């Protein structure tokens, strides 16, 4: 069954920014290019070096949907030529605007 999509939740492609927050939850730590988003997680590309199972606290700005605060863990990593793509699974999502 080549090409069959076995994802549990539909992903929507997005050309937006993921803003990772420092531990205080208010200060910007780094940014990444959002690739896609679902109700259960997201993927993004960045030059930051992250580890599998690393906790992420971030804001995601989605046009016409507002700003969401998300918390999750890195669940997969794919090395690319000039960047790294990460997948995170959300622990929580909160609409803030």
N, C-alpha and C. Protein backbone atom coordinates (compact mmCIF):
# COMPACT_ATOMS: atom_id res chain seq x y z
N UNK A 1 0.82 -1.18 0.00
CA UNK A 1 0.00 0.00 0.00
C UNK A 1 0.87 1.25 0.00
N UNK A 2 1.66 1.42 -1.02
CA UNK A 2 2.54 2.58 -1.12
C UNK A 2 1.72 3.86 -1.17
N UNK A 3 2.20 4.89 -0.46
CA UNK A 3 1.53 6.17 -0.48
C UNK A 3 0.40 6.31 0.52
N UNK A 4 0.05 5.25 1.20
CA UNK A 4 -1.04 5.30 2.18
C UNK A 4 -0.60 6.14 3.38
N UNK A 5 -1.46 7.04 3.83
CA UNK A 5 -1.16 7.91 4.95
C UNK A 5 -1.69 7.27 6.23
N UNK A 6 -0.80 6.93 7.14
CA UNK A 6 -1.20 6.25 8.38
C UNK A 6 -1.23 7.20 9.58
N UNK A 7 -1.20 8.50 9.37
CA UNK A 7 -1.23 9.45 10.47
C UNK A 7 -2.57 9.40 11.18
N UNK A 8 -2.53 9.57 12.50
CA UNK A 8 -3.75 9.54 13.30
C UNK A 8 -4.59 10.79 13.14
N UNK A 9 -3.94 11.94 12.89
CA UNK A 9 -4.63 13.21 12.78
C UNK A 9 -4.16 13.92 11.52
N UNK A 10 -5.11 14.52 10.80
CA UNK A 10 -4.80 15.25 9.57
C UNK A 10 -3.87 16.44 9.85
N UNK A 11 -2.83 16.60 9.06
CA UNK A 11 -1.92 17.72 9.19
C UNK A 11 -2.24 18.77 8.14
N UNK A 12 -2.14 20.03 8.53
CA UNK A 12 -2.35 21.14 7.61
C UNK A 12 -1.01 21.83 7.38
N UNK A 13 -0.62 22.03 6.11
CA UNK A 13 0.62 22.75 5.86
C UNK A 13 0.47 24.21 6.29
N UNK A 14 1.53 24.79 6.84
CA UNK A 14 1.52 26.19 7.26
C UNK A 14 2.86 26.82 6.96
N UNK A 15 2.82 28.06 6.54
CA UNK A 15 4.02 28.85 6.32
C UNK A 15 3.99 29.96 7.36
N UNK A 16 4.36 29.61 8.57
CA UNK A 16 4.27 30.52 9.70
C UNK A 16 5.52 30.36 10.56
N UNK A 17 5.48 30.95 11.73
CA UNK A 17 6.62 30.93 12.63
C UNK A 17 6.25 30.27 13.95
N UNK A 18 7.14 29.44 14.44
CA UNK A 18 7.03 28.88 15.78
C UNK A 18 8.03 29.66 16.64
N UNK A 19 7.55 30.25 17.72
CA UNK A 19 8.40 31.05 18.61
C UNK A 19 8.62 30.27 19.90
N UNK A 20 9.79 29.69 20.05
CA UNK A 20 10.11 28.92 21.26
C UNK A 20 10.38 29.89 22.40
N UNK A 21 9.85 29.56 23.57
CA UNK A 21 9.96 30.43 24.74
C UNK A 21 10.98 29.88 25.74
N UNK A 22 11.60 30.79 26.47
CA UNK A 22 12.49 30.40 27.55
C UNK A 22 11.65 29.86 28.70
N UNK A 23 12.31 29.32 29.72
CA UNK A 23 11.61 28.70 30.85
C UNK A 23 10.63 29.64 31.53
N UNK A 24 10.91 30.94 31.53
CA UNK A 24 10.00 31.90 32.18
C UNK A 24 8.66 31.96 31.45
N UNK A 25 8.62 31.52 30.19
CA UNK A 25 7.38 31.49 29.42
C UNK A 25 7.02 32.81 28.77
N UNK A 26 7.83 33.83 28.96
CA UNK A 26 7.54 35.14 28.39
C UNK A 26 8.61 35.61 27.41
N UNK A 27 9.82 35.15 27.55
CA UNK A 27 10.95 35.61 26.73
C UNK A 27 11.17 34.66 25.55
N UNK A 28 11.47 35.23 24.40
CA UNK A 28 11.74 34.45 23.20
C UNK A 28 13.12 33.81 23.27
N UNK A 29 13.19 32.51 23.04
CA UNK A 29 14.47 31.78 23.05
C UNK A 29 15.02 31.65 21.64
N UNK A 30 14.18 31.26 20.68
CA UNK A 30 14.57 31.09 19.29
C UNK A 30 13.31 30.95 18.45
N UNK A 31 13.48 31.06 17.13
CA UNK A 31 12.34 30.90 16.22
C UNK A 31 12.62 29.78 15.23
N UNK A 32 11.54 29.28 14.64
CA UNK A 32 11.64 28.21 13.64
C UNK A 32 10.56 28.43 12.59
N UNK A 33 10.75 27.84 11.42
CA UNK A 33 9.74 27.90 10.36
C UNK A 33 8.78 26.73 10.54
N UNK A 34 7.52 27.05 10.77
CA UNK A 34 6.49 26.02 10.91
C UNK A 34 6.23 25.39 9.55
N UNK A 35 6.18 24.07 9.50
CA UNK A 35 5.94 23.35 8.24
C UNK A 35 4.51 22.86 8.19
N UNK A 36 4.08 22.18 9.24
CA UNK A 36 2.69 21.74 9.30
C UNK A 36 2.24 21.65 10.74
N UNK A 37 0.92 21.56 10.90
CA UNK A 37 0.31 21.60 12.22
C UNK A 37 -0.91 20.70 12.24
N UNK A 38 -1.13 20.02 13.35
CA UNK A 38 -2.34 19.24 13.55
C UNK A 38 -2.81 19.46 14.98
N UNK A 39 -3.89 18.82 15.36
CA UNK A 39 -4.38 18.93 16.74
C UNK A 39 -3.45 18.23 17.72
N UNK A 40 -2.61 17.34 17.23
CA UNK A 40 -1.76 16.57 18.14
C UNK A 40 -0.28 16.93 18.07
N UNK A 41 0.13 17.74 17.08
CA UNK A 41 1.54 18.08 16.98
C UNK A 41 1.86 18.98 15.82
N UNK A 42 3.15 19.17 15.59
CA UNK A 42 3.60 20.05 14.52
C UNK A 42 4.99 19.62 14.05
N UNK A 43 5.35 20.10 12.87
CA UNK A 43 6.74 19.95 12.42
C UNK A 43 7.24 21.33 12.04
N UNK A 44 8.55 21.53 12.24
CA UNK A 44 9.17 22.82 11.97
C UNK A 44 10.63 22.61 11.63
N UNK A 45 11.21 23.61 10.96
CA UNK A 45 12.64 23.53 10.65
C UNK A 45 13.37 24.66 11.35
N UNK A 46 14.57 24.36 11.79
CA UNK A 46 15.39 25.33 12.48
C UNK A 46 16.85 24.89 12.44
N UNK A 47 17.75 25.83 12.68
CA UNK A 47 19.17 25.49 12.79
C UNK A 47 19.54 25.20 14.24
N UNK A 48 18.58 25.38 15.15
CA UNK A 48 18.81 25.06 16.56
C UNK A 48 19.02 23.55 16.70
N UNK A 49 19.82 23.16 17.65
CA UNK A 49 20.06 21.74 17.90
C UNK A 49 19.18 21.32 19.08
N UNK A 50 18.24 20.44 18.78
CA UNK A 50 17.34 19.92 19.80
C UNK A 50 17.55 18.43 19.94
N UNK A 51 17.12 17.87 21.05
CA UNK A 51 17.26 16.44 21.29
C UNK A 51 15.90 15.78 21.33
N UNK A 52 15.86 14.52 20.96
CA UNK A 52 14.63 13.75 21.06
C UNK A 52 14.18 13.74 22.52
N UNK A 53 12.90 13.88 22.76
CA UNK A 53 12.26 13.95 24.09
C UNK A 53 12.44 15.30 24.78
N UNK A 54 13.10 16.25 24.10
CA UNK A 54 13.27 17.58 24.68
C UNK A 54 11.92 18.28 24.77
N UNK A 55 11.65 18.95 25.88
CA UNK A 55 10.42 19.71 26.06
C UNK A 55 10.48 20.99 25.26
N UNK A 56 9.34 21.36 24.67
CA UNK A 56 9.21 22.59 23.90
C UNK A 56 8.02 23.37 24.46
N UNK A 57 8.23 24.66 24.71
CA UNK A 57 7.16 25.59 25.09
C UNK A 57 7.22 26.70 24.06
N UNK A 58 6.13 26.91 23.31
CA UNK A 58 6.20 27.85 22.18
C UNK A 58 4.87 28.52 21.91
N UNK A 59 4.95 29.57 21.10
CA UNK A 59 3.76 30.22 20.54
C UNK A 59 3.75 29.95 19.06
N UNK A 60 2.56 29.71 18.52
CA UNK A 60 2.37 29.49 17.09
C UNK A 60 1.32 30.48 16.62
N UNK A 61 1.67 31.27 15.60
CA UNK A 61 0.74 32.25 15.05
C UNK A 61 0.17 31.71 13.74
N UNK A 62 -1.14 31.53 13.72
CA UNK A 62 -1.80 30.99 12.54
C UNK A 62 -2.77 32.05 12.00
N UNK A 63 -2.56 32.44 10.74
CA UNK A 63 -3.41 33.45 10.11
C UNK A 63 -4.88 33.06 10.21
N UNK A 64 -5.71 33.98 10.62
CA UNK A 64 -7.15 33.84 10.79
C UNK A 64 -7.56 32.92 11.94
N UNK A 65 -6.59 32.33 12.64
CA UNK A 65 -6.92 31.46 13.77
C UNK A 65 -6.38 32.03 15.08
N UNK A 66 -5.43 32.94 15.00
CA UNK A 66 -4.89 33.57 16.18
C UNK A 66 -3.57 32.98 16.65
N UNK A 67 -3.31 33.18 17.93
CA UNK A 67 -2.05 32.74 18.53
C UNK A 67 -2.34 31.63 19.53
N UNK A 68 -1.58 30.55 19.43
CA UNK A 68 -1.73 29.43 20.35
C UNK A 68 -0.44 29.24 21.13
N UNK A 69 -0.57 28.89 22.38
CA UNK A 69 0.58 28.51 23.20
C UNK A 69 0.57 26.99 23.28
N UNK A 70 1.69 26.38 22.93
CA UNK A 70 1.76 24.92 22.91
C UNK A 70 2.91 24.44 23.79
N UNK A 71 2.72 23.26 24.32
CA UNK A 71 3.77 22.55 25.06
C UNK A 71 3.81 21.13 24.51
N UNK A 72 5.02 20.61 24.36
CA UNK A 72 5.15 19.26 23.84
C UNK A 72 6.58 18.76 23.93
N UNK A 73 6.80 17.64 23.26
CA UNK A 73 8.13 17.00 23.25
C UNK A 73 8.53 16.69 21.82
N UNK A 74 9.83 16.78 21.56
CA UNK A 74 10.38 16.39 20.26
C UNK A 74 10.26 14.87 20.13
N UNK A 75 9.60 14.40 19.07
CA UNK A 75 9.41 12.96 18.89
C UNK A 75 10.18 12.39 17.69
N UNK A 76 10.57 13.26 16.76
CA UNK A 76 11.42 12.79 15.65
C UNK A 76 12.27 13.93 15.13
N UNK A 77 13.38 13.54 14.49
CA UNK A 77 14.36 14.49 13.97
C UNK A 77 14.82 14.02 12.59
N UNK A 78 14.83 14.93 11.61
CA UNK A 78 15.33 14.62 10.27
C UNK A 78 16.34 15.68 9.87
N UNK A 79 17.57 15.24 9.61
CA UNK A 79 18.63 16.14 9.18
C UNK A 79 18.44 16.47 7.70
N UNK A 80 18.51 17.76 7.37
CA UNK A 80 18.45 18.23 5.99
C UNK A 80 19.78 18.92 5.68
N UNK A 81 19.94 19.40 4.45
CA UNK A 81 21.20 20.00 4.02
C UNK A 81 21.61 21.20 4.89
N UNK A 82 20.76 22.21 5.02
CA UNK A 82 21.10 23.41 5.77
C UNK A 82 20.26 23.63 7.02
N UNK A 83 19.47 22.67 7.38
CA UNK A 83 18.58 22.82 8.52
C UNK A 83 18.23 21.44 9.07
N UNK A 84 17.50 21.43 10.15
CA UNK A 84 16.99 20.18 10.71
C UNK A 84 15.49 20.33 10.88
N UNK A 85 14.75 19.29 10.54
CA UNK A 85 13.30 19.29 10.70
C UNK A 85 12.97 18.44 11.93
N UNK A 86 12.11 18.99 12.78
CA UNK A 86 11.71 18.33 14.02
C UNK A 86 10.21 18.11 14.03
N UNK A 87 9.80 17.05 14.66
CA UNK A 87 8.38 16.80 14.89
C UNK A 87 8.14 16.82 16.39
N UNK A 88 7.09 17.52 16.81
CA UNK A 88 6.74 17.53 18.22
C UNK A 88 5.32 17.02 18.42
N UNK A 89 5.12 16.35 19.52
CA UNK A 89 3.80 15.90 19.93
C UNK A 89 3.36 16.81 21.06
N UNK A 90 2.16 17.40 20.92
CA UNK A 90 1.68 18.34 21.92
C UNK A 90 1.23 17.63 23.19
N UNK A 91 1.59 18.24 24.33
CA UNK A 91 1.02 17.86 25.63
C UNK A 91 -0.18 18.75 25.92
N UNK A 92 -0.11 20.02 25.47
CA UNK A 92 -1.21 20.96 25.68
C UNK A 92 -1.19 22.04 24.61
N UNK A 93 -2.40 22.56 24.31
CA UNK A 93 -2.58 23.67 23.39
C UNK A 93 -3.55 24.63 24.06
N UNK A 94 -3.19 25.93 24.02
CA UNK A 94 -4.06 26.93 24.63
C UNK A 94 -4.15 28.13 23.70
N UNK A 95 -5.37 28.51 23.32
CA UNK A 95 -5.58 29.69 22.49
C UNK A 95 -5.35 30.92 23.35
N UNK A 96 -4.46 31.84 22.91
CA UNK A 96 -4.20 33.03 23.72
C UNK A 96 -4.66 34.32 23.04
N UNK A 97 -4.95 34.29 21.75
CA UNK A 97 -5.52 35.45 21.03
C UNK A 97 -6.32 34.98 19.86
